[in-house]
C-alpha atoms as a PDB file:
ATOM      1  CA  THR A   1     -36.719  35.575  68.944  1.00  0.00           C
ATOM      2  CA  GLY A   2     -34.635  38.512  70.159  1.00  0.00           C
ATOM      3  CA  SER A   3     -34.468  37.084  73.662  1.00  0.00           C
ATOM      4  CA  ASN A   4     -30.742  36.351  73.569  1.00  0.00           C
ATOM      5  CA  ASP A   5     -31.280  32.878  75.007  1.00  0.00           C
ATOM      6  CA  GLU A   6     -29.484  29.754  73.822  1.00  0.00           C
ATOM      7  CA  ILE A   7     -32.011  28.972  71.156  1.00  0.00           C
ATOM      8  CA  ASP A   8     -31.546  32.510  69.812  1.00  0.00           C
ATOM      9  CA  GLU A   9     -27.759  32.047  69.675  1.00  0.00           C
ATOM     10  CA  LEU A  10     -28.147  28.627  67.987  1.00  0.00           C
ATOM     11  CA  GLY A  11     -30.340  30.260  65.371  1.00  0.00           C
ATOM     12  CA  LYS A  12     -27.705  32.969  64.644  1.00  0.00           C
ATOM     13  CA  SER A  13     -24.973  30.259  64.469  1.00  0.00           C
ATOM     14  CA  ILE A  14     -26.972  28.328  61.958  1.00  0.00           C
ATOM     15  CA  ASN A  15     -27.724  31.359  59.852  1.00  0.00           C
ATOM     16  CA  LEU A  16     -24.041  32.283  59.874  1.00  0.00           C
ATOM     17  CA  MET A  17     -23.008  28.746  58.886  1.00  0.00           C
ATOM     18  CA  SER A  18     -25.659  28.715  56.185  1.00  0.00           C
ATOM     19  CA  GLN A  19     -24.299  32.002  54.704  1.00  0.00           C
ATOM     20  CA  LYS A  20     -20.688  30.558  54.808  1.00  0.00           C
ATOM     21  CA  LEU A  21     -21.769  27.346  53.238  1.00  0.00           C
ATOM     22  CA  GLU A  22     -23.655  29.203  50.470  1.00  0.00           C
ATOM     23  CA  GLY A  23     -20.495  31.331  49.759  1.00  0.00           C
ATOM     24  CA  THR A  24     -18.328  28.107  49.770  1.00  0.00           C
ATOM     25  CA  ILE A  25     -20.748  26.370  47.294  1.00  0.00           C
ATOM     26  CA  LYS A  26     -20.594  29.422  45.027  1.00  0.00           C
ATOM     27  CA  GLN A  27     -16.868  29.453  45.058  1.00  0.00           C
ATOM     28  CA  LEU A  28     -16.770  25.667  44.333  1.00  0.00           C
ATOM     29  CA  ARG A  29     -19.120  26.087  41.415  1.00  0.00           C
ATOM     30  CA  SER A  30     -17.039  28.853  40.005  1.00  0.00           C
ATOM     31  CA  SER A  31     -13.874  26.794  40.499  1.00  0.00           C
ATOM     32  CA  ASN A  32     -15.590  23.760  38.747  1.00  0.00           C
ATOM     33  CA  ILE A  33     -16.520  25.955  35.783  1.00  0.00           C
ATOM     34  CA  GLU A  34     -13.013  27.212  35.498  1.00  0.00           C
ATOM     35  CA  LEU A  35     -11.652  23.663  35.785  1.00  0.00           C
ATOM     36  CA  GLU A  36     -14.043  22.392  33.069  1.00  0.00           C
ATOM     37  CA  ARG A  37     -12.859  25.293  30.793  1.00  0.00           C
ATOM     38  CA  ASP A  38      -9.192  24.348  31.487  1.00  0.00           C
ATOM     39  CA  ILE A  39      -9.939  20.627  30.707  1.00  0.00           C
ATOM     40  CA  GLU A  40     -11.871  21.518  27.497  1.00  0.00           C
ATOM     41  CA  GLU A  41      -8.980  23.853  26.386  1.00  0.00           C
ATOM     42  CA  LYS A  42      -6.368  21.239  27.125  1.00  0.00           C
ATOM     43  CA  SER A  43      -8.392  18.609  25.221  1.00  0.00           C
ATOM     44  CA  LYS A  44      -8.693  21.025  22.250  1.00  0.00           C
ATOM     45  CA  ILE A  45      -5.013  21.721  22.327  1.00  0.00           C
ATOM     46  CA  ASP A  46      -4.165  17.966  22.388  1.00  0.00           C
ATOM     47  CA  GLU A  47      -6.615  17.370  19.515  1.00  0.00           C
ATOM     48  CA  MET A  48      -4.942  20.173  17.483  1.00  0.00           C
ATOM     49  CA  ARG A  49      -1.516  18.751  18.229  1.00  0.00           C
ATOM     50  CA  LYS A  50      -2.577  15.319  17.013  1.00  0.00           C
ATOM     51  CA  GLN A  51      -4.185  16.775  13.985  1.00  0.00           C
ATOM     52  CA  PHE A  52      -1.046  18.842  13.308  1.00  0.00           C
ATOM     53  CA  ILE A  53       1.191  15.803  13.523  1.00  0.00           C
ATOM     54  CA  SER A  54      -1.177  13.765  11.186  1.00  0.00           C
ATOM     55  CA  ASP A  55      -1.396  16.593   8.609  1.00  0.00           C
ATOM     56  CA  VAL A  56       2.323  17.342   8.532  1.00  0.00           C
ATOM     57  CA  SER A  57       3.264  13.619   8.442  1.00  0.00           C
ATOM     58  CA  HIS A  58       0.932  13.111   5.437  1.00  0.00           C
ATOM     59  CA  GLU A  59       2.067  16.291   3.543  1.00  0.00           C
ATOM     60  CA  LEU A  60       5.824  15.520   4.091  1.00  0.00           C
ATOM     61  CA  LYS A  61       5.632  12.046   2.561  1.00  0.00           C
ATOM     62  CA  THR A  62       5.844  13.314  -1.065  1.00  0.00           C
ATOM     63  CA  PRO A  63       8.688  15.789  -0.661  1.00  0.00           C
ATOM     64  CA  ILE A  64      10.705  13.240   1.313  1.00  0.00           C
ATOM     65  CA  ALA A  65      10.150  10.597  -1.435  1.00  0.00           C
ATOM     66  CA  LEU A  66      11.285  13.046  -4.101  1.00  0.00           C
ATOM     67  CA  ILE A  67      14.409  14.095  -2.049  1.00  0.00           C
ATOM     68  CA  GLN A  68      15.225  10.437  -1.432  1.00  0.00           C
ATOM     69  CA  GLY A  69      14.742   9.562  -5.161  1.00  0.00           C
ATOM     70  CA  TYR A  70      16.803  12.432  -6.561  1.00  0.00           C
ATOM     71  CA  ALA A  71      19.458  11.968  -3.863  1.00  0.00           C
ATOM     72  CA  GLU A  72      19.859   8.237  -4.783  1.00  0.00           C
ATOM     73  CA  GLY A  73      20.080   9.360  -8.383  1.00  0.00           C
ATOM     74  CA  LEU A  74      22.996  11.621  -7.613  1.00  0.00           C
ATOM     75  CA  VAL A  75      24.795   9.010  -5.488  1.00  0.00           C
ATOM     76  CA  GLU A  76      24.249   6.283  -8.123  1.00  0.00           C
ATOM     77  CA  ASN A  77      25.316   8.804 -10.868  1.00  0.00           C
ATOM     78  CA  VAL A  78      22.200   8.036 -12.854  1.00  0.00           C
ATOM     79  CA  ASN A  79      22.817  11.059 -15.128  1.00  0.00           C
ATOM     80  CA  ALA A  80      26.390  11.904 -15.790  1.00  0.00           C
ATOM     81  CA  ASP A  81      25.837  15.259 -17.394  1.00  0.00           C
ATOM     82  CA  ASP A  82      26.206  18.416 -15.379  1.00  0.00           C
ATOM     83  CA  GLU A  83      22.839  19.813 -16.330  1.00  0.00           C
ATOM     84  CA  SER A  84      20.931  16.845 -14.994  1.00  0.00           C
ATOM     85  CA  ARG A  85      22.936  16.745 -11.839  1.00  0.00           C
ATOM     86  CA  LYS A  86      22.184  20.423 -11.346  1.00  0.00           C
ATOM     87  CA  TYR A  87      18.498  19.710 -11.853  1.00  0.00           C
ATOM     88  CA  TYR A  88      18.603  16.873  -9.304  1.00  0.00           C
ATOM     89  CA  ALA A  89      20.212  19.132  -6.716  1.00  0.00           C
ATOM     90  CA  GLU A  90      17.714  21.947  -7.441  1.00  0.00           C
ATOM     91  CA  VAL A  91      14.768  19.569  -6.925  1.00  0.00           C
ATOM     92  CA  ILE A  92      16.327  18.455  -3.607  1.00  0.00           C
ATOM     93  CA  LEU A  93      16.772  22.009  -2.478  1.00  0.00           C
ATOM     94  CA  ASP A  94      13.341  23.119  -3.676  1.00  0.00           C
ATOM     95  CA  GLU A  95      11.582  20.255  -1.877  1.00  0.00           C
ATOM     96  CA  SER A  96      13.523  20.772   1.362  1.00  0.00           C
ATOM     97  CA  ASN A  97      12.533  24.471   1.283  1.00  0.00           C
ATOM     98  CA  LYS A  98       8.851  23.453   0.689  1.00  0.00           C
ATOM     99  CA  MET A  99       9.132  21.143   3.607  1.00  0.00           C
ATOM    100  CA  ASP A 100      10.356  24.026   5.749  1.00  0.00           C
ATOM    101  CA  LYS A 101       7.647  26.417   4.477  1.00  0.00           C
ATOM    102  CA  LEU A 102       4.921  23.746   5.027  1.00  0.00           C
ATOM    103  CA  VAL A 103       5.914  23.112   8.694  1.00  0.00           C
ATOM    104  CA  ARG A 104       6.075  26.862   9.387  1.00  0.00           C
ATOM    105  CA  LEU A 105       2.621  27.492   7.752  1.00  0.00           C
ATOM    106  CA  GLU A 106       1.085  24.511   9.596  1.00  0.00           C
ATOM    107  CA  LEU A 107       2.604  25.790  12.951  1.00  0.00           C
ATOM    108  CA  ARG A 108       1.078  29.195  12.144  1.00  0.00           C
ATOM    109  CA  ARG A 109      -2.292  27.584  11.503  1.00  0.00           C
ATOM    110  CA  LEU A 110      -2.004  25.775  14.893  1.00  0.00           C
ATOM    111  CA  GLU A 111      -1.222  29.019  16.634  1.00  0.00           C
ATOM    112  CA  TYR A 112      -3.883  31.127  14.951  1.00  0.00           C
ATOM    113  CA  GLY A 113      -6.499  28.543  14.170  1.00  0.00           C
ATOM    114  CA  LYS A 114      -6.717  29.238  10.449  1.00  0.00           C
ATOM    115  CA  ARG A 115      -4.741  29.196   7.223  1.00  0.00           C
ATOM    116  CA  GLU A 116      -3.494  32.264   5.442  1.00  0.00           C
ATOM    117  CA  PHE A 117      -3.580  32.319   1.675  1.00  0.00           C
ATOM    118  CA  ASN A 118      -1.400  34.353  -0.621  1.00  0.00           C
ATOM    119  CA  ASN A 119      -3.445  34.462  -3.767  1.00  0.00           C
ATOM    120  CA  ASP A 120      -2.023  35.468  -7.155  1.00  0.00           C
ATOM    121  CA  THR A 121      -2.579  34.794 -10.854  1.00  0.00           C
ATOM    122  CA  PHE A 122      -0.446  31.944 -12.342  1.00  0.00           C
ATOM    123  CA  ASN A 123      -0.597  29.488 -15.240  1.00  0.00           C
ATOM    124  CA  ILE A 124      -1.808  26.195 -13.787  1.00  0.00           C
ATOM    125  CA  CYS A 125      -0.598  24.237 -16.797  1.00  0.00           C
ATOM    126  CA  GLU A 126       2.974  25.244 -16.126  1.00  0.00           C
ATOM    127  CA  LEU A 127       2.618  24.320 -12.462  1.00  0.00           C
ATOM    128  CA  ILE A 128       1.261  20.777 -13.479  1.00  0.00           C
ATOM    129  CA  GLN A 129       3.996  20.332 -16.084  1.00  0.00           C
ATOM    130  CA  GLU A 130       6.650  21.163 -13.366  1.00  0.00           C
ATOM    131  CA  VAL A 131       5.089  18.686 -10.875  1.00  0.00           C
ATOM    132  CA  ILE A 132       5.019  15.956 -13.541  1.00  0.00           C
ATOM    133  CA  ARG A 133       8.675  16.720 -14.320  1.00  0.00           C
ATOM    134  CA  LYS A 134       9.656  16.633 -10.657  1.00  0.00           C
ATOM    135  CA  CYS A 135       7.826  13.325 -10.140  1.00  0.00           C
ATOM    136  CA  ASN A 136       9.675  11.711 -12.991  1.00  0.00           C
ATOM    137  CA  VAL A 137      11.876   9.661 -10.683  1.00  0.00           C
ATOM    138  CA  MET A 138       8.663   8.213  -8.976  1.00  0.00           C
ATOM    139  CA  LEU A 139       7.114   7.506 -12.495  1.00  0.00           C
ATOM    140  CA  GLU A 140      10.293   5.434 -13.473  1.00  0.00           C
ATOM    141  CA  GLU A 141      10.219   3.504 -10.265  1.00  0.00           C
ATOM    142  CA  LYS A 142       6.522   2.468 -10.992  1.00  0.00           C
ATOM    143  CA  GLY A 143       7.359   1.802 -14.699  1.00  0.00           C
ATOM    144  CA  ILE A 144       4.896   4.485 -15.940  1.00  0.00           C
ATOM    145  CA  LYS A 145       6.288   5.673 -19.334  1.00  0.00           C
ATOM    146  CA  GLU A 146       3.404   7.850 -20.325  1.00  0.00           C
ATOM    147  CA  VAL A 147       1.673  10.844 -18.740  1.00  0.00           C
ATOM    148  CA  ARG A 148      -1.005  12.432 -21.146  1.00  0.00           C
ATOM    149  CA  PHE A 149      -1.375  16.126 -20.499  1.00  0.00           C
ATOM    150  CA  GLU A 150      -1.899  19.065 -22.887  1.00  0.00           C
ATOM    151  CA  ALA A 151       0.942  21.182 -21.470  1.00  0.00           C
ATOM    152  CA  ASP A 152       0.958  23.810 -24.208  1.00  0.00           C
ATOM    153  CA  LYS A 153      -2.253  25.448 -22.929  1.00  0.00           C
ATOM    154  CA  LYS A 154      -2.271  28.601 -20.893  1.00  0.00           C
ATOM    155  CA  VAL A 155      -4.924  28.474 -18.130  1.00  0.00           C
ATOM    156  CA  ASN A 156      -4.566  31.295 -15.678  1.00  0.00           C
ATOM    157  CA  VAL A 157      -6.017  30.812 -12.185  1.00  0.00           C
ATOM    158  CA  TYR A 158      -6.221  33.131  -9.083  1.00  0.00           C
ATOM    159  CA  ALA A 159      -5.197  31.145  -6.033  1.00  0.00           C
ATOM    160  CA  ASP A 160      -2.322  30.311  -3.583  1.00  0.00           C
ATOM    161  CA  GLU A 161       0.190  28.667  -5.840  1.00  0.00           C
ATOM    162  CA  PHE A 162       1.942  26.904  -2.980  1.00  0.00           C
ATOM    163  CA  TYR A 163      -1.244  25.157  -1.787  1.00  0.00           C
ATOM    164  CA  ILE A 164      -2.519  24.378  -5.253  1.00  0.00           C
ATOM    165  CA  GLU A 165       0.966  22.752  -6.047  1.00  0.00           C
ATOM    166  CA  GLN A 166       0.710  20.805  -2.844  1.00  0.00           C
ATOM    167  CA  ALA A 167      -2.925  19.658  -3.674  1.00  0.00           C
ATOM    168  CA  PHE A 168      -2.103  18.702  -7.221  1.00  0.00           C
ATOM    169  CA  THR A 169       1.151  16.889  -6.058  1.00  0.00           C
ATOM    170  CA  ASN A 170      -0.933  14.829  -3.671  1.00  0.00           C
ATOM    171  CA  TYR A 171      -3.450  13.741  -6.395  1.00  0.00           C
ATOM    172  CA  PHE A 172      -0.668  13.102  -8.803  1.00  0.00           C
ATOM    173  CA  THR A 173       1.491  10.946  -6.487  1.00  0.00           C
ATOM    174  CA  ASN A 174      -1.675   9.077  -5.484  1.00  0.00           C
ATOM    175  CA  ALA A 175      -2.310   8.382  -9.206  1.00  0.00           C
ATOM    176  CA  ILE A 176       1.276   7.104  -9.523  1.00  0.00           C
ATOM    177  CA  LYS A 177       0.676   4.696  -6.514  1.00  0.00           C
ATOM    178  CA  HIS A 178      -2.604   3.363  -7.788  1.00  0.00           C
ATOM    179  CA  THR A 179      -2.098   3.390 -11.625  1.00  0.00           C
ATOM    180  CA  LYS A 180      -3.332   0.287 -13.477  1.00  0.00           C
ATOM    181  CA  GLU A 181      -2.376  -0.873 -16.948  1.00  0.00           C
ATOM    182  CA  ALA A 182      -4.423   0.321 -19.978  1.00  0.00           C
ATOM    183  CA  ASN A 183      -3.696  -1.506 -23.197  1.00  0.00           C
ATOM    184  CA  GLY A 184      -0.777  -3.275 -21.578  1.00  0.00           C
ATOM    185  CA  GLU A 185       1.032  -0.141 -20.410  1.00  0.00           C
ATOM    186  CA  PRO A 186       0.446   1.916 -17.153  1.00  0.00           C
ATOM    187  CA  CYS A 187      -0.666   5.449 -18.119  1.00  0.00           C
ATOM    188  CA  ILE A 188      -1.815   8.556 -16.368  1.00  0.00           C
ATOM    189  CA  GLU A 189      -4.074  11.089 -18.065  1.00  0.00           C
ATOM    190  CA  ILE A 190      -4.606  14.600 -16.765  1.00  0.00           C
ATOM    191  CA  LYS A 191      -7.425  16.674 -18.193  1.00  0.00           C
ATOM    192  CA  LEU A 192      -8.456  20.277 -17.520  1.00  0.00           C
ATOM    193  CA  LYS A 193     -12.152  20.931 -17.454  1.00  0.00           C
ATOM    194  CA  GLU A 194     -13.883  24.271 -17.340  1.00  0.00           C
ATOM    195  CA  ASP A 195     -16.913  24.561 -14.985  1.00  0.00           C
ATOM    196  CA  LYS A 196     -18.665  27.802 -15.885  1.00  0.00           C
ATOM    197  CA  GLU A 197     -20.937  27.467 -12.724  1.00  0.00           C
ATOM    198  CA  LYS A 198     -17.947  27.628 -10.425  1.00  0.00           C
ATOM    199  CA  HIS A 199     -15.544  30.545 -10.083  1.00  0.00           C
END
C-alpha cells in the first residue's frame, strides 16, 4: 500500500519469500534434469558393459576351443612330424592373436560407439578353406569326415577380412555342433551363391 505499516512489511516479506522459493524451485528442476541425465548415462554405460561382456564371451568361445584342441594335440603328440607340430603351434599363436585383436576392437567400439572396418579385396574361397583346415580338430571330435566345398574357385570380395573370417567361423562351428547324419555319415556342405541384386 506504500504506507509502511505492518501489512505492507508483511507483503514485502511474502514477495521476497516467493521470489526466493521460485529461484529454489528452478534450481531444483535444473538439478533434477542433470541427475536424470547422469542416471540415464550410467544406465547406458552399464548396458554397454553388459553387451560388451556378452559379445566378447560369445566371440572368444571358438578361438579358445581351437587353442585347447591344438594344445591337447601337441601335448598328446597326435602328429609326430615337425611340419604338423609347427602348424599346430601356428594355429595356437594365430588364434591367440585374434583373441587379442578382437578384445581391442570391441573395447574401441565400446569407447567410440561404432565399429571401424578395414575393407580390402581378398579371395573368400581361400579364407573359407583356411577356416575349414583350422577347424579340423573340431571336425574330428564330432566324427565329421566330410566337408563339401569347391575350394578351387576364386571369388574376390571387398570387405573387412577379419570380421568376415569371424562371421564365417561362427557359422561353420555352429554347423559342426548341429550336424546331423546324411546317408549314415555326418557331412557339412558349403555353397557359394551369387546374388546379382545385392552388392
